Amino acid sequence: MKSYRKELWFNTSFRREYLNITNEVQAAIDESGVKEGLVLVNAMHITASVFINDDESGLHQDFENFLERIAPEKPYSQYHHNGYEDNADAHIKRQIFGREVVCAITEGKLDFGPWEQIFYGEFDGKRNKRVLVKIIGE
């Protein structure tokens, strides 16, 4: 069985952003040489997420609206965590969207249904953060 590890680095222009990283994950699969197996993709920071959904801008705005209703960024004073930082909302948003995805690899490709794409969700951006891609298989 093969094992392959790669880090992807992101530095978003905005505090909150959704980046389609499907091509980067597929490139890592291609580099690994794995034809049948699994890929784990996980955010290595507690204010970011990796998830699967549709790449549609209206839906991404719906994500933003939903998350802001549940855990609004401001006022910062509403959160106990914000005594030292101003990112409590980002921690909560990450809990909602999750840490990672595990995807099947079949014939060297991500084995997805229609419209499925992998996204990096940034909730406290404008600085370097990484995503781990771990591939195992034959």
Protein backbone atom coordinates (compact mmCIF):
# COMPACT_ATOMS: atom_id res chain seq x y z
CA MET A 1 0.00 0.00 0.00
CA LYS A 2 1.23 3.48 -0.88
CA SER A 3 1.04 6.51 1.38
CA TYR A 4 1.49 10.11 0.23
CA ARG A 5 1.38 13.39 2.16
CA LYS A 6 1.19 16.93 0.83
CA GLU A 7 0.47 20.32 2.39
CA LEU A 8 -1.48 22.99 0.55
CA TRP A 9 -1.01 26.58 1.75
CA PHE A 10 -3.55 29.39 1.47
CA ASN A 11 -3.54 33.07 2.33
CA THR A 12 -6.95 34.56 1.60
CA SER A 13 -7.59 38.19 0.73
CA PHE A 14 -10.59 38.39 3.05
CA ARG A 15 -11.43 37.28 6.58
CA ARG A 16 -13.97 34.77 5.21
CA GLU A 17 -13.63 33.01 1.87
CA TYR A 18 -14.51 29.74 0.17
CA LEU A 19 -11.85 28.35 -2.19
CA ASN A 20 -12.45 25.45 -4.55
CA ILE A 21 -9.43 23.18 -3.98
CA THR A 22 -10.62 20.18 -6.00
CA ASN A 23 -7.94 20.62 -8.69
CA GLU A 24 -5.16 20.87 -6.07
CA VAL A 25 -6.38 17.68 -4.39
CA GLN A 26 -6.59 15.86 -7.73
CA ALA A 27 -3.06 17.05 -8.56
CA ALA A 28 -1.84 15.50 -5.29
CA ILE A 29 -3.58 12.24 -6.22
CA ASP A 30 -1.86 12.33 -9.61
CA GLU A 31 1.52 12.93 -7.89
CA SER A 32 0.91 10.04 -5.49
CA GLY A 33 0.36 7.45 -8.21
CA VAL A 34 -2.53 5.94 -6.21
CA LYS A 35 -5.23 4.53 -8.48
CA GLU A 36 -7.54 2.95 -5.88
CA GLY A 37 -7.76 4.26 -2.34
CA LEU A 38 -8.78 7.15 -0.14
CA VAL A 39 -7.78 10.77 0.27
CA LEU A 40 -8.14 12.68 3.52
CA VAL A 41 -8.22 16.46 3.18
CA ASN A 42 -8.24 18.42 6.43
CA ALA A 43 -7.74 21.95 7.62
CA MET A 44 -4.77 22.24 9.97
CA HIS A 45 -6.14 25.36 11.69
CA ILE A 46 -9.05 25.67 14.11
CA THR A 47 -10.61 28.61 12.29
CA ALA A 48 -10.79 26.95 8.85
CA SER A 49 -12.72 24.07 7.34
CA VAL A 50 -12.70 21.60 4.47
CA PHE A 51 -16.06 20.48 3.08
CA ILE A 52 -17.78 19.18 -0.06
CA ASN A 53 -20.53 21.05 -1.85
CA ASP A 54 -21.51 22.72 -5.12
CA ASP A 55 -19.37 25.48 -6.64
CA GLU A 56 -22.12 28.06 -7.04
CA SER A 57 -21.67 31.66 -5.92
CA GLY A 58 -25.26 32.10 -4.75
CA LEU A 59 -24.89 29.05 -2.51
CA HIS A 60 -21.63 30.43 -1.11
CA GLN A 61 -23.43 33.66 -0.23
CA ASP A 62 -26.13 31.55 1.43
CA PHE A 63 -23.40 29.85 3.51
CA GLU A 64 -22.15 33.27 4.56
CA ASN A 65 -25.62 34.54 5.47
CA PHE A 66 -26.42 31.37 7.44
CA LEU A 67 -23.16 31.41 9.39
CA GLU A 68 -23.47 35.12 10.20
CA ARG A 69 -26.96 34.52 11.62
CA ILE A 70 -25.67 31.71 13.86
CA ALA A 71 -22.29 33.18 14.85
CA PRO A 72 -22.00 36.83 13.81
CA GLU A 73 -18.50 38.26 13.71
CA LYS A 74 -19.47 41.44 15.57
CA PRO A 75 -19.87 42.72 18.16
CA TYR A 76 -16.66 41.08 19.32
CA SER A 77 -17.70 41.65 22.94
CA GLN A 78 -20.46 39.01 22.69
CA TYR A 79 -17.89 36.19 22.98
CA HIS A 80 -15.93 35.18 26.09
CA HIS A 81 -13.04 33.94 23.89
CA ASN A 82 -12.54 37.42 22.48
CA GLY A 83 -10.70 38.74 25.50
CA TYR A 84 -7.40 37.91 23.75
CA GLU A 85 -8.47 37.56 20.12
CA ASP A 86 -11.37 38.63 17.91
CA ASN A 87 -12.08 35.31 16.22
CA ALA A 88 -14.52 33.36 18.42
CA ASP A 89 -17.04 33.43 15.58
CA ALA A 90 -14.48 31.72 13.30
CA HIS A 91 -14.05 28.85 15.78
CA ILE A 92 -17.82 28.33 15.89
CA LYS A 93 -18.16 28.50 12.09
CA ARG A 94 -15.47 25.85 11.74
CA GLN A 95 -17.42 23.56 14.10
CA ILE A 96 -20.47 23.88 11.86
CA PHE A 97 -18.66 23.19 8.57
CA GLY A 98 -16.28 20.58 9.97
CA ARG A 99 -12.60 19.81 9.84
CA GLU A 100 -12.12 17.37 6.97
CA VAL A 101 -13.42 15.19 4.17
CA VAL A 102 -12.49 11.67 3.11
CA CYS A 103 -13.03 10.84 -0.55
CA ALA A 104 -12.76 7.68 -2.62
CA ILE A 105 -10.18 7.44 -5.38
CA THR A 106 -11.20 5.23 -8.31
CA GLU A 107 -9.04 4.77 -11.39
CA GLY A 108 -6.81 7.61 -10.16
CA LYS A 109 -9.64 10.18 -9.93
CA LEU A 110 -11.81 11.61 -7.18
CA ASP A 111 -14.94 9.46 -7.19
CA PHE A 112 -17.57 12.20 -6.92
CA GLY A 113 -21.24 12.58 -7.63
CA PRO A 114 -22.52 15.33 -9.89
CA TRP A 115 -21.54 18.84 -8.76
CA GLU A 116 -19.42 17.68 -5.81
CA GLN A 117 -16.31 19.79 -5.25
CA ILE A 118 -13.87 20.16 -2.33
CA PHE A 119 -13.69 23.54 -0.64
CA TYR A 120 -11.40 25.24 1.82
CA GLY A 121 -13.53 27.46 4.05
CA GLU A 122 -11.61 30.28 5.69
CA PHE A 123 -13.27 32.03 8.63
CA ASP A 124 -10.34 34.09 10.01
CA GLY A 125 -8.11 34.74 7.03
CA LYS A 126 -5.49 37.10 5.68
CA ARG A 127 -2.63 34.92 6.87
CA ASN A 128 -0.92 31.68 5.84
CA LYS A 129 -2.79 28.51 6.71
CA ARG A 130 -2.38 24.95 5.55
CA VAL A 131 -4.46 21.99 4.51
CA LEU A 132 -3.19 18.42 4.80
CA VAL A 133 -3.77 15.99 1.93
CA LYS A 134 -3.09 12.37 2.96
CA ILE A 135 -3.53 9.65 0.34
CA ILE A 136 -3.44 5.91 0.91
CA GLY A 137 -4.07 3.08 -1.52
CA GLU A 138 -2.67 1.04 -4.37
